[in-house]
Structure formats: structure tokens, C-alpha cells
Amino acid sequence: MLRKPAPPTPRRPYKLVCVSLYLEDIARLEALVGELKRRGYSRMSKSKIVRLALAEVDLGKLAKQPG
């Protein structure tokens, strides 16, 4: 008896990426998550903080780096 192929799984609305961060940046990010969880934001995560930070970026405020 032939099986029907499984229906395609829905695409996730995100993509897994890998970024490099300095150790002090990772420590700050983890401290922010810890503080927010202490304040009652139990579903807070590092990726959510990064998304919040990205939403606040204003390219017009960035200084041009020489070289």
C-alpha cells in the first residue's frame, strides 16, 4: 500500500542566523534578559531584545567611520 506524501510543513516566519558578539555584549544581553525576567517579563529572550533594538535603529544618527 502506497502512502500519501506528507503535506508540506508551513514555512516558519523567521530564519535562524548566527552572529558574532563580543563577550561583554553577550554578558550585557544576558543581564538585560535576567533583569526583564526579574521584572515579570517571563517570555523575554535574547532574540526578542535584539529585535527590539533593531526596531530602534535610526541610520540617520549613525556617524560615518573614517576609512
C-alpha atoms as a PDB file:
ATOM      1  CA  MET A   1       0.000   0.000   0.000  1.00  0.00           C
ATOM      2  CA  LEU A   2       1.417   3.344  -1.039  1.00  0.00           C
ATOM      3  CA  ARG A   3       1.498   6.175   1.449  1.00  0.00           C
ATOM      4  CA  LYS A   4       0.500   9.662   0.509  1.00  0.00           C
ATOM      5  CA  PRO A   5       3.385  12.112   0.846  1.00  0.00           C
ATOM      6  CA  ALA A   6       3.179  14.208   3.982  1.00  0.00           C
ATOM      7  CA  PRO A   7       1.773  17.674   3.406  1.00  0.00           C
ATOM      8  CA  PRO A   8       4.452  20.351   3.263  1.00  0.00           C
ATOM      9  CA  THR A   9       5.158  21.952   6.597  1.00  0.00           C
ATOM     10  CA  PRO A  10       4.337  25.643   6.765  1.00  0.00           C
ATOM     11  CA  ARG A  11       7.332  27.937   6.457  1.00  0.00           C
ATOM     12  CA  ARG A  12       8.450  29.475   9.680  1.00  0.00           C
ATOM     13  CA  PRO A  13       8.200  33.261   9.789  1.00  0.00           C
ATOM     14  CA  TYR A  14      11.861  33.503  10.795  1.00  0.00           C
ATOM     15  CA  LYS A  15      15.274  32.310   9.720  1.00  0.00           C
ATOM     16  CA  LEU A  16      17.987  31.040  12.022  1.00  0.00           C
ATOM     17  CA  VAL A  17      21.153  33.138  11.759  1.00  0.00           C
ATOM     18  CA  CYS A  18      24.477  33.131  13.528  1.00  0.00           C
ATOM     19  CA  VAL A  19      26.160  36.391  14.559  1.00  0.00           C
ATOM     20  CA  SER A  20      29.385  37.158  16.371  1.00  0.00           C
ATOM     21  CA  LEU A  21      29.240  39.244  19.531  1.00  0.00           C
ATOM     22  CA  TYR A  22      31.943  40.329  21.931  1.00  0.00           C
ATOM     23  CA  LEU A  23      31.823  38.579  25.295  1.00  0.00           C
ATOM     24  CA  GLU A  24      30.878  41.820  27.070  1.00  0.00           C
ATOM     25  CA  ASP A  25      27.964  42.312  24.650  1.00  0.00           C
ATOM     26  CA  ILE A  26      26.713  38.783  25.354  1.00  0.00           C
ATOM     27  CA  ALA A  27      27.022  39.408  29.093  1.00  0.00           C
ATOM     28  CA  ARG A  28      25.038  42.670  28.730  1.00  0.00           C
ATOM     29  CA  LEU A  29      22.367  40.927  26.674  1.00  0.00           C
ATOM     30  CA  GLU A  30      22.041  38.129  29.235  1.00  0.00           C
ATOM     31  CA  ALA A  31      21.900  40.694  32.056  1.00  0.00           C
ATOM     32  CA  LEU A  32      19.088  42.530  30.253  1.00  0.00           C
ATOM     33  CA  VAL A  33      17.127  39.289  29.873  1.00  0.00           C
ATOM     34  CA  GLY A  34      17.665  38.485  33.549  1.00  0.00           C
ATOM     35  CA  GLU A  35      16.535  41.936  34.675  1.00  0.00           C
ATOM     36  CA  LEU A  36      13.437  41.848  32.483  1.00  0.00           C
ATOM     37  CA  LYS A  37      12.523  38.391  33.768  1.00  0.00           C
ATOM     38  CA  ARG A  38      13.013  39.671  37.321  1.00  0.00           C
ATOM     39  CA  ARG A  39      10.546  42.456  36.467  1.00  0.00           C
ATOM     40  CA  GLY A  40       7.968  39.910  35.346  1.00  0.00           C
ATOM     41  CA  TYR A  41       8.614  39.635  31.605  1.00  0.00           C
ATOM     42  CA  SER A  42       8.832  35.836  31.747  1.00  0.00           C
ATOM     43  CA  ARG A  43       8.786  35.335  27.965  1.00  0.00           C
ATOM     44  CA  MET A  44      11.680  37.705  27.266  1.00  0.00           C
ATOM     45  CA  SER A  45      14.614  36.301  25.293  1.00  0.00           C
ATOM     46  CA  LYS A  46      17.900  37.469  23.810  1.00  0.00           C
ATOM     47  CA  SER A  47      16.446  37.361  20.305  1.00  0.00           C
ATOM     48  CA  LYS A  48      13.480  39.498  21.386  1.00  0.00           C
ATOM     49  CA  ILE A  49      15.830  42.141  22.805  1.00  0.00           C
ATOM     50  CA  VAL A  50      17.817  42.129  19.553  1.00  0.00           C
ATOM     51  CA  ARG A  51      14.563  42.577  17.575  1.00  0.00           C
ATOM     52  CA  LEU A  52      13.552  45.471  19.846  1.00  0.00           C
ATOM     53  CA  ALA A  53      16.975  47.077  19.362  1.00  0.00           C
ATOM     54  CA  LEU A  54      16.757  46.676  15.576  1.00  0.00           C
ATOM     55  CA  ALA A  55      13.384  48.415  15.591  1.00  0.00           C
ATOM     56  CA  GLU A  56      15.041  51.442  17.231  1.00  0.00           C
ATOM     57  CA  VAL A  57      17.961  51.829  14.798  1.00  0.00           C
ATOM     58  CA  ASP A  58      17.979  55.203  13.037  1.00  0.00           C
ATOM     59  CA  LEU A  59      20.518  55.141  10.204  1.00  0.00           C
ATOM     60  CA  GLY A  60      20.423  58.932  10.059  1.00  0.00           C
ATOM     61  CA  LYS A  61      22.004  59.096  13.527  1.00  0.00           C
ATOM     62  CA  LEU A  62      24.981  56.899  12.658  1.00  0.00           C
ATOM     63  CA  ALA A  63      28.317  58.645  12.291  1.00  0.00           C
ATOM     64  CA  LYS A  64      30.357  57.707   9.262  1.00  0.00           C
ATOM     65  CA  GLN A  65      33.524  55.836  10.194  1.00  0.00           C
ATOM     66  CA  PRO A  66      36.742  57.057   8.535  1.00  0.00           C
ATOM     67  CA  GLY A  67      38.493  54.706   6.170  1.00  0.00           C
END
